[in-house]
Amino acid sequence: MTQFILTDTRGQTAIITLNRPEVLNAWHTEMRNELRTALKAFNQNPEIGAIILTGTGDRAFSAGQDLNETKTFDPDRAEAWIGEWRELYGTIRGLTKPLIAALNGLAAGSAFQVALLCDIRIGHEGVTMGQPEINSGIASNLGPWIMREHLGLSRMVELTLSGRMMSATECASYGLIHRMVTPGLVMVEALKLAAELAEKPPVAMRLTKRWFAEMTQAGFDEAMDAGVRNQRESYGTDEPVRMMEAFLARRK
């Protein structure tokens, strides 16, 4: 039985819900492991044709990394942490079935990255997304790479260095949110879309998604390698711990 995610099925659609509402569904190692296991299981299930990823509650898809975990890291643990993300991101990129993000609120940092790794994103006007990692002393690696793929170099640099969050309207204008609906209809729309995608020819779907991953693999590997290098250097100083503790103190 999972503890930090919830799973359900509706016909040919699997639903995975991030379930740490007390910290706005922020990630830690256990949640990442559970999510990866669930994604692999549903991907291997011949009765499932599409997967929806969402978060518990109406405030957040996910607030991103749980800083209570990362503020304790040293360089070795930071490198292992990047390895955990490589495994999760690699699992998402390797899915042969479409993955839909049902965005029910905040998607920040690594949650923003996961949302952009999903195939299609559905949200409402209250959704905010962005890459605020620099504000808590975390060097950005995968985020800039995937934002460059979606937005180009100029917008990526501005968003990464400012750490600002984007409104749903801005995200939709950039194509980061594909469908905007009223808050109560996000899951309804996601289920409708998932049912449509689940009916697509499975071999064509698998081969098409495999090519999506192949055409971006070199950039993904480069970003993950940079993550190891940069996080080891960062956690060799006291800056991440100081900044995360200050951020958590302000939030309290």
Foldseek 3Di string as FASTA:
>chain_A
DADQWDWDDDFQEIEIEGHDVVQQSEDDLSSLVVVLVVLVVSLPDPRHAEYEQAYPDQAWSYQYHDLVVVLPDALVVQLVVLVSVCSSLVSLLQRLHAYEYLTRHEQEAVSLVVLLSGPAYEYEQRHKYAYLVVQLQADDFSQLLSCCVQANNPVSVVRNVVSDIDTPVVCVVSVSHPYYDHNVCSVVVVVVVSVVSSPPPSVVSRVVSNVVCVVCVVSSVVSSVVSSVVSNVSSNDSRNNVSNVVVVVVVD
